[in-house]
């Protein structure tokens, strides 16, 4: 679907850039979305937000359990 009529930019183009890790400002600079009349800015931001929300994050786990002990900051102030 065309999001930006002025620049003829589709939701797929915006999504592809968002999945590559770009934020809205970077996408706006790269593609020119929402730089003419500005009516598409809300939809373009929604596409970026949806792509960022669905992008999986790394599941980090510790190799060994962390020993419980005193806080690293044991200095009395």
PDB file of N, CA and C in Angstrom:
ATOM      1  N   UNK A   1       0.848  -1.164   0.000  1.00  0.00           N
ATOM      2  CA  UNK A   1       0.000   0.000   0.000  1.00  0.00           C
ATOM      3  C   UNK A   1       0.902   1.237   0.000  1.00  0.00           C
ATOM      4  N   UNK A   2       0.528   2.219  -0.770  1.00  0.00           N
ATOM      5  CA  UNK A   2       1.289   3.470  -0.808  1.00  0.00           C
ATOM      6  C   UNK A   2       0.960   4.270   0.452  1.00  0.00           C
ATOM      7  N   UNK A   3       1.988   4.624   1.196  1.00  0.00           N
ATOM      8  CA  UNK A   3       1.827   5.430   2.407  1.00  0.00           C
ATOM      9  C   UNK A   3       2.031   6.904   2.074  1.00  0.00           C
ATOM     10  N   UNK A   4       3.108   7.207   1.376  1.00  0.00           N
ATOM     11  CA  UNK A   4       3.433   8.584   1.009  1.00  0.00           C
ATOM     12  C   UNK A   4       3.133   8.780  -0.471  1.00  0.00           C
ATOM     13  N   UNK A   5       2.045   9.494  -0.750  1.00  0.00           N
ATOM     14  CA  UNK A   5       1.640   9.724  -2.131  1.00  0.00           C
ATOM     15  C   UNK A   5       2.604  10.692  -2.814  1.00  0.00           C
ATOM     16  N   UNK A   6       3.082  11.686  -2.108  1.00  0.00           N
ATOM     17  CA  UNK A   6       3.973  12.689  -2.695  1.00  0.00           C
ATOM     18  C   UNK A   6       5.262  12.063  -3.226  1.00  0.00           C
ATOM     19  N   UNK A   7       5.813  11.126  -2.467  1.00  0.00           N
ATOM     20  CA  UNK A   7       7.086  10.490  -2.841  1.00  0.00           C
ATOM     21  C   UNK A   7       6.904   9.066  -3.367  1.00  0.00           C
ATOM     22  N   UNK A   8       5.656   8.591  -3.391  1.00  0.00           N
ATOM     23  CA  UNK A   8       5.301   7.233  -3.846  1.00  0.00           C
ATOM     24  C   UNK A   8       6.108   6.178  -3.090  1.00  0.00           C
ATOM     25  N   UNK A   9       5.946   6.179  -1.767  1.00  0.00           N
ATOM     26  CA  UNK A   9       6.654   5.246  -0.887  1.00  0.00           C
ATOM     27  C   UNK A   9       5.635   4.303  -0.258  1.00  0.00           C
ATOM     28  N   UNK A  10       5.919   3.018  -0.372  1.00  0.00           N
ATOM     29  CA  UNK A  10       4.983   2.008   0.130  1.00  0.00           C
ATOM     30  C   UNK A  10       5.308   1.607   1.560  1.00  0.00           C
ATOM     31  N   UNK A  11       4.350   0.928   2.178  1.00  0.00           N
ATOM     32  CA  UNK A  11       4.563   0.404   3.523  1.00  0.00           C
ATOM     33  C   UNK A  11       5.654  -0.656   3.515  1.00  0.00           C
ATOM     34  N   UNK A  12       5.795  -1.376   2.416  1.00  0.00           N
ATOM     35  CA  UNK A  12       6.850  -2.399   2.318  1.00  0.00           C
ATOM     36  C   UNK A  12       8.240  -1.775   2.340  1.00  0.00           C
ATOM     37  N   UNK A  13       8.395  -0.650   1.668  1.00  0.00           N
ATOM     38  CA  UNK A  13       9.699   0.025   1.690  1.00  0.00           C
ATOM     39  C   UNK A  13      10.036   0.511   3.094  1.00  0.00           C
ATOM     40  N   UNK A  14       9.056   1.096   3.748  1.00  0.00           N
ATOM     41  CA  UNK A  14       9.257   1.585   5.121  1.00  0.00           C
ATOM     42  C   UNK A  14       9.562   0.410   6.043  1.00  0.00           C
ATOM     43  N   UNK A  15       8.806  -0.668   5.905  1.00  0.00           N
ATOM     44  CA  UNK A  15       9.004  -1.843   6.755  1.00  0.00           C
ATOM     45  C   UNK A  15      10.385  -2.463   6.531  1.00  0.00           C
ATOM     46  N   UNK A  16      10.826  -2.522   5.288  1.00  0.00           N
ATOM     47  CA  UNK A  16      12.139  -3.094   4.988  1.00  0.00           C
ATOM     48  C   UNK A  16      13.251  -2.308   5.691  1.00  0.00           C
ATOM     49  N   UNK A  17      13.153  -0.995   5.673  1.00  0.00           N
ATOM     50  CA  UNK A  17      14.144  -0.158   6.346  1.00  0.00           C
ATOM     51  C   UNK A  17      14.036  -0.294   7.871  1.00  0.00           C
ATOM     52  N   UNK A  18      12.820  -0.385   8.380  1.00  0.00           N
ATOM     53  CA  UNK A  18      12.629  -0.540   9.833  1.00  0.00           C
ATOM     54  C   UNK A  18      13.177  -1.882  10.311  1.00  0.00           C
ATOM     55  N   UNK A  19      12.956  -2.940   9.551  1.00  0.00           N
ATOM     56  CA  UNK A  19      13.487  -4.259   9.915  1.00  0.00           C
ATOM     57  C   UNK A  19      15.013  -4.280   9.865  1.00  0.00           C
ATOM     58  N   UNK A  20      15.586  -3.366   9.082  1.00  0.00           N
ATOM     59  CA  UNK A  20      17.048  -3.262   9.008  1.00  0.00           C
ATOM     60  C   UNK A  20      17.612  -2.499  10.205  1.00  0.00           C
ATOM     61  N   UNK A  21      16.723  -2.037  11.087  1.00  0.00           N
ATOM     62  CA  UNK A  21      17.174  -1.371  12.308  1.00  0.00           C
ATOM     63  C   UNK A  21      17.103   0.144  12.265  1.00  0.00           C
ATOM     64  N   UNK A  22      16.558   0.703  11.229  1.00  0.00           N
ATOM     65  CA  UNK A  22      16.473   2.157  11.118  1.00  0.00           C
ATOM     66  C   UNK A  22      15.255   2.683  11.866  1.00  0.00           C
ATOM     67  N   UNK A  23      15.393   3.847  12.476  1.00  0.00           N
ATOM     68  CA  UNK A  23      14.284   4.519  13.134  1.00  0.00           C
ATOM     69  C   UNK A  23      13.563   5.421  12.154  1.00  0.00           C
ATOM     70  N   UNK A  24      12.492   6.060  12.614  1.00  0.00           N
ATOM     71  CA  UNK A  24      11.700   6.900  11.709  1.00  0.00           C
ATOM     72  C   UNK A  24      12.520   8.031  11.119  1.00  0.00           C
ATOM     73  N   UNK A  25      13.308   8.719  11.932  1.00  0.00           N
ATOM     74  CA  UNK A  25      14.091   9.852  11.432  1.00  0.00           C
ATOM     75  C   UNK A  25      15.069   9.423  10.343  1.00  0.00           C
ATOM     76  N   UNK A  26      15.691   8.267  10.525  1.00  0.00           N
ATOM     77  CA  UNK A  26      16.626   7.756   9.518  1.00  0.00           C
ATOM     78  C   UNK A  26      15.896   7.373   8.234  1.00  0.00           C
ATOM     79  N   UNK A  27      14.726   6.775   8.389  1.00  0.00           N
ATOM     80  CA  UNK A  27      13.929   6.388   7.225  1.00  0.00           C
ATOM     81  C   UNK A  27      13.436   7.630   6.497  1.00  0.00           C
ATOM     82  N   UNK A  28      13.042   8.624   7.250  1.00  0.00           N
ATOM     83  CA  UNK A  28      12.582   9.871   6.649  1.00  0.00           C
ATOM     84  C   UNK A  28      13.699  10.516   5.835  1.00  0.00           C
ATOM     85  N   UNK A  29      14.898  10.517   6.369  1.00  0.00           N
ATOM     86  CA  UNK A  29      16.042  11.089   5.658  1.00  0.00           C
ATOM     87  C   UNK A  29      16.379  10.273   4.408  1.00  0.00           C
ATOM     88  N   UNK A  30      16.345   8.952   4.542  1.00  0.00           N
ATOM     89  CA  UNK A  30      16.722   8.061   3.435  1.00  0.00           C
ATOM     90  C   UNK A  30      15.697   8.067   2.304  1.00  0.00           C
ATOM     91  N   UNK A  31      14.412   7.955   2.647  1.00  0.00           N
ATOM     92  CA  UNK A  31      13.370   7.813   1.630  1.00  0.00           C
ATOM     93  C   UNK A  31      12.659   9.117   1.291  1.00  0.00           C
ATOM     94  N   UNK A  32      12.687  10.058   2.210  1.00  0.00           N
ATOM     95  CA  UNK A  32      11.966  11.312   1.992  1.00  0.00           C
ATOM     96  C   UNK A  32      10.507  11.250   2.396  1.00  0.00           C
ATOM     97  N   UNK A  33      10.129  10.193   3.113  1.00  0.00           N
ATOM     98  CA  UNK A  33       8.738  10.056   3.552  1.00  0.00           C
ATOM     99  C   UNK A  33       8.388  11.187   4.520  1.00  0.00           C
ATOM    100  N   UNK A  34       7.188  11.732   4.371  1.00  0.00           N
ATOM    101  CA  UNK A  34       6.655  12.796   5.232  1.00  0.00           C
ATOM    102  C   UNK A  34       7.494  14.071   5.182  1.00  0.00           C
ATOM    103  N   UNK A  35       8.064  14.365   4.011  1.00  0.00           N
ATOM    104  CA  UNK A  35       8.845  15.601   3.877  1.00  0.00           C
ATOM    105  C   UNK A  35       8.173  16.625   2.976  1.00  0.00           C
ATOM    106  N   UNK A  36       7.063  16.262   2.345  1.00  0.00           N
ATOM    107  CA  UNK A  36       6.365  17.203   1.469  1.00  0.00           C
ATOM    108  C   UNK A  36       5.153  17.777   2.206  1.00  0.00           C
ATOM    109  N   UNK A  37       4.009  17.147   2.063  1.00  0.00           N
ATOM    110  CA  UNK A  37       2.798  17.682   2.692  1.00  0.00           C
ATOM    111  C   UNK A  37       2.677  17.253   4.148  1.00  0.00           C
ATOM    112  N   UNK A  38       3.275  16.109   4.513  1.00  0.00           N
ATOM    113  CA  UNK A  38       3.272  15.653   5.898  1.00  0.00           C
ATOM    114  C   UNK A  38       2.062  14.849   6.335  1.00  0.00           C
ATOM    115  N   UNK A  39       1.101  14.635   5.460  1.00  0.00           N
ATOM    116  CA  UNK A  39      -0.113  13.907   5.847  1.00  0.00           C
ATOM    117  C   UNK A  39       0.147  12.434   6.149  1.00  0.00           C
ATOM    118  N   UNK A  40       1.223  11.883   5.641  1.00  0.00           N
ATOM    119  CA  UNK A  40       1.501  10.458   5.813  1.00  0.00           C
ATOM    120  C   UNK A  40       2.339  10.165   7.058  1.00  0.00           C
ATOM    121  N   UNK A  41       2.768  11.182   7.773  1.00  0.00           N
ATOM    122  CA  UNK A  41       3.694  10.962   8.882  1.00  0.00           C
ATOM    123  C   UNK A  41       3.138  10.002   9.927  1.00  0.00           C
ATOM    124  N   UNK A  42       1.900  10.143  10.296  1.00  0.00           N
ATOM    125  CA  UNK A  42       1.303   9.262  11.298  1.00  0.00           C
ATOM    126  C   UNK A  42       1.292   7.808  10.861  1.00  0.00           C
ATOM    127  N   UNK A  43       0.895   7.564   9.613  1.00  0.00           N
ATOM    128  CA  UNK A  43       0.874   6.188   9.092  1.00  0.00           C
ATOM    129  C   UNK A  43       2.284   5.630   8.987  1.00  0.00           C
ATOM    130  N   UNK A  44       3.218   6.445   8.534  1.00  0.00           N
ATOM    131  CA  UNK A  44       4.602   5.985   8.402  1.00  0.00           C
ATOM    132  C   UNK A  44       5.186   5.645   9.762  1.00  0.00           C
ATOM    133  N   UNK A  45       4.910   6.476  10.757  1.00  0.00           N
ATOM    134  CA  UNK A  45       5.391   6.187  12.114  1.00  0.00           C
ATOM    135  C   UNK A  45       4.754   4.909  12.659  1.00  0.00           C
ATOM    136  N   UNK A  46       3.489   4.674  12.347  1.00  0.00           N
ATOM    137  CA  UNK A  46       2.814   3.446  12.779  1.00  0.00           C
ATOM    138  C   UNK A  46       3.473   2.208  12.174  1.00  0.00           C
ATOM    139  N   UNK A  47       3.833   2.282  10.899  1.00  0.00           N
ATOM    140  CA  UNK A  47       4.497   1.146  10.247  1.00  0.00           C
ATOM    141  C   UNK A  47       5.834   0.876  10.913  1.00  0.00           C
ATOM    142  N   UNK A  48       6.593   1.925  11.185  1.00  0.00           N
ATOM    143  CA  UNK A  48       7.893   1.763  11.842  1.00  0.00           C
ATOM    144  C   UNK A  48       7.709   1.160  13.235  1.00  0.00           C
ATOM    145  N   UNK A  49       6.721   1.647  13.980  1.00  0.00           N
ATOM    146  CA  UNK A  49       6.470   1.139  15.333  1.00  0.00           C
ATOM    147  C   UNK A  49       6.057  -0.329  15.304  1.00  0.00           C
ATOM    148  N   UNK A  50       5.214  -0.713  14.357  1.00  0.00           N
ATOM    149  CA  UNK A  50       4.785  -2.103  14.253  1.00  0.00           C
ATOM    150  C   UNK A  50       5.956  -3.016  13.915  1.00  0.00           C
ATOM    151  N   UNK A  51       6.824  -2.557  13.039  1.00  0.00           N
ATOM    152  CA  UNK A  51       7.986  -3.375  12.661  1.00  0.00           C
ATOM    153  C   UNK A  51       8.970  -3.478  13.812  1.00  0.00           C
ATOM    154  N   UNK A  52       9.131  -2.418  14.571  1.00  0.00           N
ATOM    155  CA  UNK A  52      10.040  -2.446  15.712  1.00  0.00           C
ATOM    156  C   UNK A  52       9.492  -3.335  16.818  1.00  0.00           C
ATOM    157  N   UNK A  53       8.180  -3.348  16.988  1.00  0.00           N
ATOM    158  CA  UNK A  53       7.557  -4.149  18.051  1.00  0.00           C
ATOM    159  C   UNK A  53       7.603  -5.635  17.729  1.00  0.00           C
ATOM    160  N   UNK A  54       7.577  -5.984  16.457  1.00  0.00           N
ATOM    161  CA  UNK A  54       7.555  -7.393  16.088  1.00  0.00           C
ATOM    162  C   UNK A  54       8.947  -7.965  15.861  1.00  0.00           C
ATOM    163  N   UNK A  55       9.948  -7.116  15.876  1.00  0.00           N
ATOM    164  CA  UNK A  55      11.314  -7.600  15.671  1.00  0.00           C
ATOM    165  C   UNK A  55      11.771  -8.342  16.905  1.00  0.00           C
ATOM    166  N   UNK A  56      12.198  -9.581  16.776  1.00  0.00           N
ATOM    167  CA  UNK A  56      12.596 -10.350  17.954  1.00  0.00           C
ATOM    168  C   UNK A  56      13.861  -9.791  18.597  1.00  0.00           C
ATOM    169  N   UNK A  57      13.935  -9.947  19.879  1.00  0.00           N
ATOM    170  CA  UNK A  57      15.140  -9.532  20.594  1.00  0.00           C
ATOM    171  C   UNK A  57      15.872 -10.776  21.066  1.00  0.00           C
ATOM    172  N   UNK A  58      17.140 -10.619  21.338  1.00  0.00           N
ATOM    173  CA  UNK A  58      17.952 -11.757  21.772  1.00  0.00           C
ATOM    174  C   UNK A  58      17.531 -12.183  23.170  1.00  0.00           C
ATOM    175  N   UNK A  59      17.497 -13.471  23.387  1.00  0.00           N
ATOM    176  CA  UNK A  59      17.190 -14.003  24.699  1.00  0.00           C
ATOM    177  C   UNK A  59      18.524 -14.357  25.356  1.00  0.00           C
ATOM    178  N   UNK A  60      18.952 -13.530  26.293  1.00  0.00           N
ATOM    179  CA  UNK A  60      20.252 -13.696  26.919  1.00  0.00           C
ATOM    180  C   UNK A  60      20.083 -14.435  28.239  1.00  0.00           C
ATOM    181  N   UNK A  61      20.890 -15.471  28.431  1.00  0.00           N
ATOM    182  CA  UNK A  61      20.883 -16.179  29.706  1.00  0.00           C
ATOM    183  C   UNK A  61      22.322 -16.323  30.175  1.00  0.00           C
ATOM    184  N   UNK A  62      22.499 -16.381  31.469  1.00  0.00           N
ATOM    185  CA  UNK A  62      23.826 -16.518  32.043  1.00  0.00           C
ATOM    186  C   UNK A  62      24.301 -17.953  31.933  1.00  0.00           C
ATOM    187  N   UNK A  63      25.602 -18.125  31.741  1.00  0.00           N
ATOM    188  CA  UNK A  63      26.164 -19.467  31.615  1.00  0.00           C
ATOM    189  C   UNK A  63      26.157 -20.189  32.958  1.00  0.00           C
ATOM    190  N   UNK A  64      26.382 -19.455  34.032  1.00  0.00           N
ATOM    191  CA  UNK A  64      26.400 -20.044  35.372  1.00  0.00           C
ATOM    192  C   UNK A  64      25.608 -19.135  36.301  1.00  0.00           C
ATOM    193  N   UNK A  65      24.991 -19.690  37.332  1.00  0.00           N
ATOM    194  CA  UNK A  65      24.252 -18.844  38.260  1.00  0.00           C
ATOM    195  C   UNK A  65      25.186 -17.841  38.951  1.00  0.00           C
ATOM    196  N   UNK A  66      24.654 -16.677  39.180  1.00  0.00           N
ATOM    197  CA  UNK A  66      25.417 -15.630  39.849  1.00  0.00           C
ATOM    198  C   UNK A  66      25.326 -15.846  41.351  1.00  0.00           C
ATOM    199  N   UNK A  67      26.484 -15.841  42.009  1.00  0.00           N
ATOM    200  CA  UNK A  67      26.515 -16.037  43.462  1.00  0.00           C
ATOM    201  C   UNK A  67      25.964 -14.801  44.166  1.00  0.00           C
ATOM    202  N   UNK A  68      25.128 -15.037  45.123  1.00  0.00           N
ATOM    203  CA  UNK A  68      24.581 -13.928  45.902  1.00  0.00           C
ATOM    204  C   UNK A  68      25.622 -13.506  46.930  1.00  0.00           C
ATOM    205  N   UNK A  69      25.810 -12.231  47.048  1.00  0.00           N
ATOM    206  CA  UNK A  69      26.790 -11.724  47.988  1.00  0.00           C
ATOM    207  C   UNK A  69      26.544 -10.252  48.249  1.00  0.00           C
ATOM    208  N   UNK A  70      27.504  -9.586  48.846  1.00  0.00           N
ATOM    209  CA  UNK A  70      27.321  -8.170  49.136  1.00  0.00           C
ATOM    210  C   UNK A  70      27.277  -7.354  47.846  1.00  0.00           C
ATOM    211  N   UNK A  71      26.679  -6.238  47.955  1.00  0.00           N
ATOM    212  CA  UNK A  71      26.577  -5.318  46.833  1.00  0.00           C
ATOM    213  C   UNK A  71      27.961  -4.889  46.383  1.00  0.00           C
ATOM    214  N   UNK A  72      28.110  -4.545  45.118  1.00  0.00           N
ATOM    215  CA  UNK A  72      29.403  -4.094  44.622  1.00  0.00           C
ATOM    216  C   UNK A  72      29.805  -2.770  45.262  1.00  0.00           C
ATOM    217  N   UNK A  73      28.823  -2.000  45.663  1.00  0.00           N
ATOM    218  CA  UNK A  73      29.094  -0.695  46.258  1.00  0.00           C
ATOM    219  C   UNK A  73      29.009  -0.835  47.784  1.00  0.00           C
ATOM    220  N   UNK A  74      30.070  -1.311  48.407  1.00  0.00           N
ATOM    221  CA  UNK A  74      30.060  -1.549  49.853  1.00  0.00           C
ATOM    222  C   UNK A  74      30.662  -0.401  50.644  1.00  0.00           C
ATOM    223  N   UNK A  75      31.047   0.665  49.949  1.00  0.00           N
ATOM    224  CA  UNK A  75      31.633   1.809  50.637  1.00  0.00           C
ATOM    225  C   UNK A  75      30.556   2.598  51.354  1.00  0.00           C
ATOM    226  N   UNK A  76      30.791   2.942  52.578  1.00  0.00           N
ATOM    227  CA  UNK A  76      29.826   3.766  53.325  1.00  0.00           C
ATOM    228  C   UNK A  76      30.108   5.220  52.998  1.00  0.00           C
ATOM    229  N   UNK A  77      29.063   5.931  52.686  1.00  0.00           N
ATOM    230  CA  UNK A  77      29.227   7.359  52.353  1.00  0.00           C
ATOM    231  C   UNK A  77      29.017   8.228  53.548  1.00  0.00           C
TER     232      UNK A  77
END
